[in-house]
C-alpha atoms as a PDB file:
ATOM      1  CA  MET A   1     108.747  96.012 113.093  1.00  0.00           C
ATOM      2  CA  SER A   2     108.840  97.303 116.800  1.00  0.00           C
ATOM      3  CA  ASN A   3     107.037  94.550 117.708  1.00  0.00           C
ATOM      4  CA  LEU A   4     109.218  91.531 116.842  1.00  0.00           C
ATOM      5  CA  SER A   5     111.358  89.545 119.190  1.00  0.00           C
ATOM      6  CA  SER A   6     114.987  91.214 118.977  1.00  0.00           C
ATOM      7  CA  ALA A   7     116.570  87.835 120.925  1.00  0.00           C
ATOM      8  CA  SER A   8     119.336  86.262 118.454  1.00  0.00           C
ATOM      9  CA  SER A   9     118.786  82.613 117.778  1.00  0.00           C
ATOM     10  CA  SER A  10     121.228  82.645 114.640  1.00  0.00           C
ATOM     11  CA  THR A  11     124.684  81.653 114.338  1.00  0.00           C
ATOM     12  CA  PRO A  12     126.617  84.484 113.904  1.00  0.00           C
ATOM     13  CA  ALA A  13     129.104  84.608 111.203  1.00  0.00           C
ATOM     14  CA  SER A  14     132.915  84.467 111.247  1.00  0.00           C
ATOM     15  CA  PRO A  15     134.770  87.845 113.065  1.00  0.00           C
ATOM     16  CA  THR A  16     137.485  87.078 110.433  1.00  0.00           C
ATOM     17  CA  GLN A  17     135.582  86.916 107.395  1.00  0.00           C
ATOM     18  CA  PRO A  18     132.475  88.623 106.537  1.00  0.00           C
ATOM     19  CA  SER A  19     129.322  86.607 105.243  1.00  0.00           C
ATOM     20  CA  THR A  20     127.853  86.994 101.854  1.00  0.00           C
ATOM     21  CA  LEU A  21     125.188  89.115 103.485  1.00  0.00           C
ATOM     22  CA  SER A  22     127.217  90.955 105.328  1.00  0.00           C
ATOM     23  CA  PHE A  23     129.209  91.562 101.983  1.00  0.00           C
ATOM     24  CA  LEU A  24     125.981  92.464 100.029  1.00  0.00           C
ATOM     25  CA  HIS A  25     124.995  94.883 103.021  1.00  0.00           C
ATOM     26  CA  GLU A  26     128.262  96.902 102.799  1.00  0.00           C
ATOM     27  CA  SER A  27     127.985  96.767  99.173  1.00  0.00           C
ATOM     28  CA  VAL A  28     124.760  98.642  98.675  1.00  0.00           C
ATOM     29  CA  ARG A  29     125.348 100.775 101.942  1.00  0.00           C
ATOM     30  CA  SER A  30     127.787 102.129  99.451  1.00  0.00           C
ATOM     31  CA  VAL A  31     125.420 103.002  96.849  1.00  0.00           C
ATOM     32  CA  PHE A  32     123.167 105.241  99.455  1.00  0.00           C
ATOM     33  CA  GLN A  33     125.641 106.839 101.802  1.00  0.00           C
ATOM     34  CA  GLU A  34     126.916 109.728  99.592  1.00  0.00           C
ATOM     35  CA  GLY A  35     123.330 111.395 100.097  1.00  0.00           C
ATOM     36  CA  PRO A  36     120.349 111.819  97.526  1.00  0.00           C
ATOM     37  CA  GLU A  37     121.733 113.308  94.422  1.00  0.00           C
ATOM     38  CA  ARG A  38     125.419 110.993  94.461  1.00  0.00           C
ATOM     39  CA  SER A  39     123.063 108.151  95.142  1.00  0.00           C
ATOM     40  CA  ALA A  40     120.756 108.632  92.700  1.00  0.00           C
ATOM     41  CA  GLY A  41     123.269 108.927  90.228  1.00  0.00           C
ATOM     42  CA  LYS A  42     124.582 105.636  91.185  1.00  0.00           C
ATOM     43  CA  PHE A  43     121.187 104.003  90.536  1.00  0.00           C
ATOM     44  CA  VAL A  44     121.224 105.568  86.781  1.00  0.00           C
ATOM     45  CA  ALA A  45     124.811 104.468  86.267  1.00  0.00           C
ATOM     46  CA  LEU A  46     123.954 100.769  87.504  1.00  0.00           C
ATOM     47  CA  ARG A  47     120.679 100.771  85.627  1.00  0.00           C
ATOM     48  CA  GLN A  48     121.928 101.830  82.390  1.00  0.00           C
ATOM     49  CA  LEU A  49     125.215  99.368  82.798  1.00  0.00           C
ATOM     50  CA  VAL A  50     121.986  96.622  82.433  1.00  0.00           C
ATOM     51  CA  LEU A  51     120.092  98.192  79.943  1.00  0.00           C
ATOM     52  CA  ASP A  52     123.070  98.594  77.825  1.00  0.00           C
ATOM     53  CA  GLY A  53     123.646  95.002  77.929  1.00  0.00           C
ATOM     54  CA  ARG A  54     126.816  95.329  78.782  1.00  0.00           C
ATOM     55  CA  ASP A  55     129.627  92.940  80.178  1.00  0.00           C
ATOM     56  CA  THR A  56     130.733  93.323  83.923  1.00  0.00           C
ATOM     57  CA  PRO A  57     132.539  94.215  85.953  1.00  0.00           C
ATOM     58  CA  VAL A  58     132.742  97.886  84.851  1.00  0.00           C
ATOM     59  CA  ALA A  59     133.732 100.860  86.183  1.00  0.00           C
ATOM     60  CA  PHE A  60     131.727 104.195  86.207  1.00  0.00           C
ATOM     61  CA  ASP A  61     132.426 107.534  87.394  1.00  0.00           C
ATOM     62  CA  ALA A  62     129.526 108.947  89.256  1.00  0.00           C
ATOM     63  CA  ASN A  63     130.388 112.519  88.667  1.00  0.00           C
ATOM     64  CA  LEU A  64     128.891 111.510  85.246  1.00  0.00           C
ATOM     65  CA  HIS A  65     125.883 109.916  85.511  1.00  0.00           C
ATOM     66  CA  ALA A  66     124.482 112.512  87.679  1.00  0.00           C
ATOM     67  CA  ILE A  67     122.671 113.300  85.000  1.00  0.00           C
ATOM     68  CA  GLY A  68     119.316 112.134  84.766  1.00  0.00           C
ATOM     69  CA  ALA A  69     119.383 111.425  88.790  1.00  0.00           C
ATOM     70  CA  GLY A  70     116.518 114.307  89.397  1.00  0.00           C
ATOM     71  CA  GLN A  71     114.058 112.177  87.806  1.00  0.00           C
ATOM     72  CA  ILE A  72     114.872 109.170  90.144  1.00  0.00           C
ATOM     73  CA  ARG A  73     111.892 109.315  93.185  1.00  0.00           C
ATOM     74  CA  TRP A  74     114.768 108.783  96.084  1.00  0.00           C
ATOM     75  CA  ASN A  75     112.320 107.074  98.389  1.00  0.00           C
ATOM     76  CA  ALA A  76     110.873 105.061  95.594  1.00  0.00           C
ATOM     77  CA  CYS A  77     110.517 101.201  96.381  1.00  0.00           C
ATOM     78  CA  GLU A  78     112.179 100.344  92.800  1.00  0.00           C
ATOM     79  CA  LEU A  79     115.128 102.149  93.551  1.00  0.00           C
ATOM     80  CA  VAL A  80     116.247 100.208  96.938  1.00  0.00           C
ATOM     81  CA  ALA A  81     114.908  96.916  95.118  1.00  0.00           C
ATOM     82  CA  GLY A  82     115.856  97.194  91.359  1.00  0.00           C
ATOM     83  CA  THR A  83     119.674  97.804  93.086  1.00  0.00           C
ATOM     84  CA  VAL A  84     119.927  95.142  95.705  1.00  0.00           C
ATOM     85  CA  MET A  85     118.740  92.552  93.050  1.00  0.00           C
ATOM     86  CA  VAL A  86     121.512  93.917  90.633  1.00  0.00           C
ATOM     87  CA  MET A  87     124.422  94.143  92.565  1.00  0.00           C
ATOM     88  CA  ALA A  88     123.329  90.330  93.946  1.00  0.00           C
ATOM     89  CA  SER A  89     122.774  88.353  90.546  1.00  0.00           C
ATOM     90  CA  PRO A  90     125.470  87.117  88.884  1.00  0.00           C
ATOM     91  CA  CYS A  91     127.634  89.001  86.418  1.00  0.00           C
ATOM     92  CA  ASP A  92     125.404  87.849  83.570  1.00  0.00           C
ATOM     93  CA  ARG A  93     123.694  90.224  81.504  1.00  0.00           C
ATOM     94  CA  ASN A  94     120.577  88.333  81.106  1.00  0.00           C
ATOM     95  CA  GLN A  95     120.326  87.641  84.429  1.00  0.00           C
ATOM     96  CA  ASN A  96     121.064  91.215  85.541  1.00  0.00           C
ATOM     97  CA  ARG A  97     117.931  92.229  83.266  1.00  0.00           C
ATOM     98  CA  ARG A  98     115.880  90.232  84.191  1.00  0.00           C
ATOM     99  CA  ALA A  99     116.586  91.235  88.265  1.00  0.00           C
ATOM    100  CA  LEU A 100     116.425  94.971  87.441  1.00  0.00           C
ATOM    101  CA  ARG A 101     113.026  94.303  84.985  1.00  0.00           C
ATOM    102  CA  PHE A 102     111.391  92.526  88.111  1.00  0.00           C
ATOM    103  CA  ALA A 103     111.040  95.636  90.199  1.00  0.00           C
ATOM    104  CA  SER A 104     110.669  98.220  87.466  1.00  0.00           C
ATOM    105  CA  LYS A 105     107.142  99.319  86.285  1.00  0.00           C
ATOM    106  CA  THR A 106     109.050 101.486  83.645  1.00  0.00           C
ATOM    107  CA  LEU A 107     110.287  98.107  82.333  1.00  0.00           C
ATOM    108  CA  GLY A 108     106.839  96.583  81.894  1.00  0.00           C
ATOM    109  CA  SER A 109     107.092  94.465  85.007  1.00  0.00           C
ATOM    110  CA  LEU A 110     103.564  94.633  86.027  1.00  0.00           C
ATOM    111  CA  PRO A 111     101.709  91.207  85.866  1.00  0.00           C
ATOM    112  CA  THR A 112      98.477  91.141  83.560  1.00  0.00           C
ATOM    113  CA  MET A 113      95.527  90.179  84.864  1.00  0.00           C
ATOM    114  CA  LYS A 114      94.947  86.995  83.155  1.00  0.00           C
ATOM    115  CA  THR A 115      98.402  85.963  84.752  1.00  0.00           C
ATOM    116  CA  VAL A 116      97.204  87.091  88.251  1.00  0.00           C
ATOM    117  CA  SER A 117      93.746  85.155  87.220  1.00  0.00           C
ATOM    118  CA  THR A 118      95.294  81.778  86.224  1.00  0.00           C
ATOM    119  CA  VAL A 119      98.486  81.936  88.611  1.00  0.00           C
ATOM    120  CA  PRO A 120      98.325  81.523  92.324  1.00  0.00           C
ATOM    121  CA  SER A 121     100.027  83.758  94.380  1.00  0.00           C
ATOM    122  CA  ALA A 122     103.283  83.129  95.322  1.00  0.00           C
ATOM    123  CA  ASP A 123     104.042  81.930  99.039  1.00  0.00           C
ATOM    124  CA  LEU A 124     106.654  83.529 100.574  1.00  0.00           C
ATOM    125  CA  SER A 125     106.767  81.195 103.711  1.00  0.00           C
ATOM    126  CA  GLU A 126     107.294  78.044 101.468  1.00  0.00           C
ATOM    127  CA  TYR A 127     110.594  80.190  99.519  1.00  0.00           C
ATOM    128  CA  PHE A 128     111.489  81.345 102.900  1.00  0.00           C
ATOM    129  CA  ARG A 129     111.881  77.727 104.115  1.00  0.00           C
ATOM    130  CA  VAL A 130     113.615  76.525 101.540  1.00  0.00           C
ATOM    131  CA  ALA A 131     115.922  79.798 101.555  1.00  0.00           C
ATOM    132  CA  LYS A 132     116.836  79.185 104.998  1.00  0.00           C
ATOM    133  CA  LYS A 133     117.232  75.497 104.701  1.00  0.00           C
ATOM    134  CA  ALA A 134     120.136  76.197 102.051  1.00  0.00           C
ATOM    135  CA  ALA A 135     121.448  78.707 104.420  1.00  0.00           C
ATOM    136  CA  VAL A 136     121.704  76.404 107.573  1.00  0.00           C
ATOM    137  CA  ASP A 137     122.604  73.304 105.836  1.00  0.00           C
ATOM    138  CA  GLY A 138     126.300  72.552 104.964  1.00  0.00           C
ATOM    139  CA  ARG A 139     129.770  73.442 105.486  1.00  0.00           C
ATOM    140  CA  GLU A 140     129.044  76.839 103.611  1.00  0.00           C
ATOM    141  CA  GLY A 141     125.559  78.558 103.698  1.00  0.00           C
ATOM    142  CA  GLU A 142     124.166  79.769 100.668  1.00  0.00           C
ATOM    143  CA  LEU A 143     122.788  83.219 100.751  1.00  0.00           C
ATOM    144  CA  THR A 144     119.087  83.052  98.749  1.00  0.00           C
ATOM    145  CA  MET A 145     118.006  86.493  97.736  1.00  0.00           C
ATOM    146  CA  LEU A 146     113.959  87.411  97.632  1.00  0.00           C
ATOM    147  CA  GLY A 147     112.352  90.058  95.309  1.00  0.00           C
ATOM    148  CA  VAL A 148     108.974  90.221  96.846  1.00  0.00           C
ATOM    149  CA  ASN A 149     105.967  92.459  94.895  1.00  0.00           C
ATOM    150  CA  LEU A 150     102.855  92.623  96.639  1.00  0.00           C
ATOM    151  CA  VAL A 151     100.151  93.653  93.374  1.00  0.00           C
ATOM    152  CA  ASP A 152      97.565  95.832  94.347  1.00  0.00           C
ATOM    153  CA  VAL A 153      95.366  93.765  91.968  1.00  0.00           C
ATOM    154  CA  GLY A 154      92.303  96.788  92.073  1.00  0.00           C
ATOM    155  CA  MET A 155      94.472  99.284  90.825  1.00  0.00           C
ATOM    156  CA  LEU A 156      96.004  96.845  88.277  1.00  0.00           C
ATOM    157  CA  GLU A 157      92.455  96.219  87.014  1.00  0.00           C
ATOM    158  CA  ARG A 158      91.707 100.074  86.702  1.00  0.00           C
ATOM    159  CA  ARG A 159      95.190 100.501  84.860  1.00  0.00           C
ATOM    160  CA  GLN A 160      94.462  97.551  82.244  1.00  0.00           C
ATOM    161  CA  ALA A 161      90.949  98.480  81.969  1.00  0.00           C
ATOM    162  CA  GLY A 162      92.374 102.429  80.483  1.00  0.00           C
ATOM    163  CA  GLU A 163      90.684 104.118  83.256  1.00  0.00           C
ATOM    164  CA  GLN A 164      92.129 107.780  83.508  1.00  0.00           C
ATOM    165  CA  ASP A 165      90.763 108.962  86.721  1.00  0.00           C
ATOM    166  CA  LEU A 166      92.541 106.797  89.235  1.00  0.00           C
ATOM    167  CA  GLN A 167      92.036 108.942  92.073  1.00  0.00           C
ATOM    168  CA  TYR A 168      93.312 106.600  94.877  1.00  0.00           C
ATOM    169  CA  THR A 169      97.113 106.023  96.630  1.00  0.00           C
ATOM    170  CA  SER A 170      97.860 101.934  95.925  1.00  0.00           C
ATOM    171  CA  PHE A 171      99.297 100.060  98.519  1.00  0.00           C
ATOM    172  CA  GLU A 172     101.412  97.709  95.864  1.00  0.00           C
ATOM    173  CA  HIS A 173     104.786  97.462  97.171  1.00  0.00           C
ATOM    174  CA  THR A 174     108.339  95.585  96.317  1.00  0.00           C
ATOM    175  CA  PHE A 175     111.256  94.859  99.015  1.00  0.00           C
ATOM    176  CA  VAL A 176     113.790  92.821  98.933  1.00  0.00           C
ATOM    177  CA  LEU A 177     114.838  89.569 101.405  1.00  0.00           C
ATOM    178  CA  GLY A 178     118.294  88.650 101.914  1.00  0.00           C
ATOM    179  CA  ILE A 179     118.377  85.149 103.691  1.00  0.00           C
ATOM    180  CA  GLY A 180     121.840  83.830 105.191  1.00  0.00           C
ATOM    181  CA  ARG A 181     123.025  81.925 107.522  1.00  0.00           C
ATOM    182  CA  GLU A 182     123.061  84.552 110.355  1.00  0.00           C
ATOM    183  CA  GLY A 183     119.559  85.318 109.550  1.00  0.00           C
ATOM    184  CA  PHE A 184     117.801  87.632 106.966  1.00  0.00           C
ATOM    185  CA  ARG A 185     117.794  91.289 106.505  1.00  0.00           C
ATOM    186  CA  MET A 186     115.120  93.457 104.394  1.00  0.00           C
ATOM    187  CA  TRP A 187     115.363  96.497 102.177  1.00  0.00           C
ATOM    188  CA  SER A 188     112.427  98.295 101.818  1.00  0.00           C
ATOM    189  CA  VAL A 189     111.017 101.855 101.115  1.00  0.00           C
ATOM    190  CA  TRP A 190     108.118 103.407 100.887  1.00  0.00           C
ATOM    191  CA  GLY A 191     107.423 106.407  98.616  1.00  0.00           C
ATOM    192  CA  GLY A 192     104.466 107.826 100.318  1.00  0.00           C
ATOM    193  CA  CYS A 193     106.566 108.471 103.424  1.00  0.00           C
ATOM    194  CA  GLU A 194     109.425 111.178 104.037  1.00  0.00           C
ATOM    195  CA  TYR A 195     112.545 108.737 105.370  1.00  0.00           C
ATOM    196  CA  GLN A 196     115.412 108.462 103.444  1.00  0.00           C
ATOM    197  CA  LEU A 197     116.582 105.680 102.062  1.00  0.00           C
ATOM    198  CA  ASP A 198     120.480 106.383 103.228  1.00  0.00           C
ATOM    199  CA  ASP A 199     118.724 106.181 106.710  1.00  0.00           C
ATOM    200  CA  LEU A 200     117.322 102.866 106.493  1.00  0.00           C
ATOM    201  CA  SER A 201     119.981 101.513 104.868  1.00  0.00           C
ATOM    202  CA  THR A 202     122.453 101.763 107.502  1.00  0.00           C
ATOM    203  CA  LEU A 203     120.074 101.902 110.722  1.00  0.00           C
ATOM    204  CA  GLU A 204     117.209 100.420 110.950  1.00  0.00           C
ATOM    205  CA  GLY A 205     115.460  99.263 107.960  1.00  0.00           C
ATOM    206  CA  ALA A 206     118.418  96.562 106.745  1.00  0.00           C
ATOM    207  CA  ARG A 207     119.038  95.537 110.537  1.00  0.00           C
ATOM    208  CA  LEU A 208     120.249  91.679 110.903  1.00  0.00           C
ATOM    209  CA  ARG A 209     116.978  89.974 111.816  1.00  0.00           C
ATOM    210  CA  ASP A 210     116.910  86.581 113.747  1.00  0.00           C
ATOM    211  CA  TRP A 211     114.979  83.511 112.576  1.00  0.00           C
ATOM    212  CA  ASN A 212     112.561  84.189 115.394  1.00  0.00           C
ATOM    213  CA  GLU A 213     111.491  87.869 113.876  1.00  0.00           C
ATOM    214  CA  GLY A 214     111.296  85.828 110.617  1.00  0.00           C
ATOM    215  CA  LYS A 215     108.632  83.933 112.182  1.00  0.00           C
ATOM    216  CA  GLU A 216     106.760  86.974 112.952  1.00  0.00           C
ATOM    217  CA  PHE A 217     107.119  88.392 110.143  1.00  0.00           C
ATOM    218  CA  LEU A 218     105.867  85.490 107.946  1.00  0.00           C
ATOM    219  CA  LYS A 219     103.239  85.495 110.106  1.00  0.00           C
ATOM    220  CA  THR A 220     102.186  88.898 109.750  1.00  0.00           C
ATOM    221  CA  PHE A 221     102.557  88.948 106.022  1.00  0.00           C
ATOM    222  CA  LYS A 222     100.131  85.840 106.291  1.00  0.00           C
ATOM    223  CA  VAL A 223      97.837  87.626 107.627  1.00  0.00           C
ATOM    224  CA  LEU A 224      98.459  90.652 104.645  1.00  0.00           C
ATOM    225  CA  THR A 225      97.713  88.639 102.011  1.00  0.00           C
ATOM    226  CA  ALA A 226      95.307  85.834 103.131  1.00  0.00           C
ATOM    227  CA  GLU A 227      92.563  88.396 103.377  1.00  0.00           C
ATOM    228  CA  LYS A 228      90.619  89.791 100.303  1.00  0.00           C
ATOM    229  CA  GLY A 229      87.699  92.286 100.121  1.00  0.00           C
ATOM    230  CA  THR A 230      87.771  95.756 101.977  1.00  0.00           C
ATOM    231  CA  TRP A 231      90.169  97.362 104.265  1.00  0.00           C
ATOM    232  CA  SER A 232      89.936  95.799 108.154  1.00  0.00           C
ATOM    233  CA  GLU A 233      92.095  96.672 111.138  1.00  0.00           C
ATOM    234  CA  GLU A 234      94.038  93.448 110.814  1.00  0.00           C
ATOM    235  CA  ILE A 235      95.224  94.330 107.540  1.00  0.00           C
ATOM    236  CA  ILE A 236      95.909  97.934 108.268  1.00  0.00           C
ATOM    237  CA  LYS A 237      98.113  96.615 111.330  1.00  0.00           C
ATOM    238  CA  ALA A 238      99.999  94.252 109.470  1.00  0.00           C
ATOM    239  CA  TYR A 239     101.151  96.321 107.043  1.00  0.00           C
ATOM    240  CA  ASP A 240     102.107  98.666 109.428  1.00  0.00           C
ATOM    241  CA  GLU A 241     104.389  96.293 111.074  1.00  0.00           C
ATOM    242  CA  LEU A 242     105.875  95.181 107.867  1.00  0.00           C
ATOM    243  CA  PHE A 243     106.601  98.179 106.376  1.00  0.00           C
ATOM    244  CA  ASP A 244     106.227 100.781 108.782  1.00  0.00           C
ATOM    245  CA  VAL A 245     103.329 102.685 107.134  1.00  0.00           C
ATOM    246  CA  ASP A 246     100.124 103.605 108.328  1.00  0.00           C
ATOM    247  CA  MET A 247      97.742 103.870 105.615  1.00  0.00           C
ATOM    248  CA  LEU A 248      95.093 105.017 107.687  1.00  0.00           C
ATOM    249  CA  SER A 249      97.126 108.342 108.761  1.00  0.00           C
ATOM    250  CA  ILE A 250      98.466 109.610 106.061  1.00  0.00           C
ATOM    251  CA  CYS A 251      95.821 108.235 102.737  1.00  0.00           C
ATOM    252  CA  GLY A 252      92.518 110.157 102.853  1.00  0.00           C
ATOM    253  CA  LYS A 253      90.575 113.183 102.867  1.00  0.00           C
ATOM    254  CA  ASP A 254      92.967 116.603 103.812  1.00  0.00           C
ATOM    255  CA  LYS A 255      95.908 114.260 104.143  1.00  0.00           C
ATOM    256  CA  ARG A 256      99.298 113.535 102.500  1.00  0.00           C
ATOM    257  CA  HIS A 257      98.172 111.133  99.856  1.00  0.00           C
ATOM    258  CA  LEU A 258      94.460 110.367  97.919  1.00  0.00           C
ATOM    259  CA  PRO A 259      92.368 107.459  99.950  1.00  0.00           C
ATOM    260  CA  VAL A 260      93.669 104.329  99.756  1.00  0.00           C
ATOM    261  CA  VAL A 261      91.858 101.891  96.818  1.00  0.00           C
ATOM    262  CA  PRO A 262      89.041 100.730  98.692  1.00  0.00           C
ATOM    263  CA  ASP A 263      89.115  97.515  97.110  1.00  0.00           C
ATOM    264  CA  TYR A 264      91.831  95.464  98.626  1.00  0.00           C
ATOM    265  CA  ARG A 265      92.964  92.282  96.328  1.00  0.00           C
ATOM    266  CA  PRO A 266      96.549  91.321  97.155  1.00  0.00           C
ATOM    267  CA  TRP A 267      98.451  88.670  95.053  1.00  0.00           C
ATOM    268  CA  VAL A 268     102.134  88.071  95.441  1.00  0.00           C
ATOM    269  CA  ARG A 269     105.076  87.241  93.089  1.00  0.00           C
ATOM    270  CA  ILE A 270     108.641  86.514  93.987  1.00  0.00           C
ATOM    271  CA  PHE A 271     111.884  86.400  92.410  1.00  0.00           C
ATOM    272  CA  GLU A 272     114.524  84.403  92.974  1.00  0.00           C
ATOM    273  CA  ILE A 273     118.586  84.745  93.103  1.00  0.00           C
ATOM    274  CA  LYS A 274     120.142  81.322  94.475  1.00  0.00           C
ATOM    275  CA  ASP A 275     123.493  80.953  96.257  1.00  0.00           C
ATOM    276  CA  VAL A 276     124.558  84.606  95.617  1.00  0.00           C
ATOM    277  CA  LYS A 277     128.356  84.860  95.646  1.00  0.00           C
ATOM    278  CA  THR A 278     130.665  87.851  96.782  1.00  0.00           C
ATOM    279  CA  ALA A 279     132.356  88.319  93.272  1.00  0.00           C
ATOM    280  CA  ASN A 280     128.694  89.202  92.289  1.00  0.00           C
ATOM    281  CA  MET A 281     128.623  92.258  93.945  1.00  0.00           C
ATOM    282  CA  GLU A 282     132.314  93.157  92.268  1.00  0.00           C
ATOM    283  CA  LYS A 283     130.089  94.146  89.197  1.00  0.00           C
ATOM    284  CA  ILE A 284     130.851  97.770  89.057  1.00  0.00           C
ATOM    285  CA  LYS A 285     133.543  99.799  91.003  1.00  0.00           C
ATOM    286  CA  TRP A 286     132.612 103.476  91.676  1.00  0.00           C
ATOM    287  CA  TYR A 287     135.641 105.694  91.217  1.00  0.00           C
ATOM    288  CA  ARG A 288     135.436 110.136  90.784  1.00  0.00           C
ATOM    289  CA  LYS A 289     136.728 111.919  87.923  1.00  0.00           C
ATOM    290  CA  SER A 290     140.097 112.668  90.173  1.00  0.00           C
ATOM    291  CA  ARG A 291     141.192 109.420  90.887  1.00  0.00           C
ATOM    292  CA  THR A 292     142.388 107.147  88.846  1.00  0.00           C
ATOM    293  CA  MET A 293     140.187 104.372  87.499  1.00  0.00           C
ATOM    294  CA  ALA A 294     140.782 101.114  89.828  1.00  0.00           C
END
């Protein structure tokens, strides 16, 4: 998103008390700052906590949950979206499960063609508007989380029709927006790229963005989701600006990935968590076997 304005028009958070959005950002960083193996182990632990339906908060030895971490795609959007949404969700087993399931194809989160054909595509601009209002109005601004799933209807249709020869790269993507009083952050990785999640979580990827950037982001996302049919220069440019992925440069003959799916049919669904509290992020405490549990 290098083309977006960097001039801030937001009210800064109090220097003496971190905002909820800032607290969430640091909590997510704590998961991903120790490199792929340990971070994937933490994701396995967090996922298991949710699937087991255990009461929270709970402490985990990250060392013990490294088993199975090798099966986790370090740069999968499912990993980052699932981690952020579960950490932000209230300390309630049912809400944790819904947050994890939204971001997980392996847990059956994909919509059906019947849903896509009968339910209108979600309007991110409207969700963002409501979240911003909740953030800037009142004495204490609320933090709202938006899990956004850009569905590739063409690939979804092929899968549900039982096609085995899916020789295309899907444009489907899931990312998370956190909208607070001081602005918003985006957590996003794209599985076909070589960057690492610890880079994105600590550097450019999840940086604080202001409301001017929000307007540009939503404008670009509207371009991405309004058009249907075949790929155009506008769609390719919008996808690159939003997710830092140039589909033409990495997909096609003799390139890193298979050709991108030829029919461009996007559909959007959104998972919303309102009024996120800092206590939500304290549902899990990490410790090492050599240390005493907190």
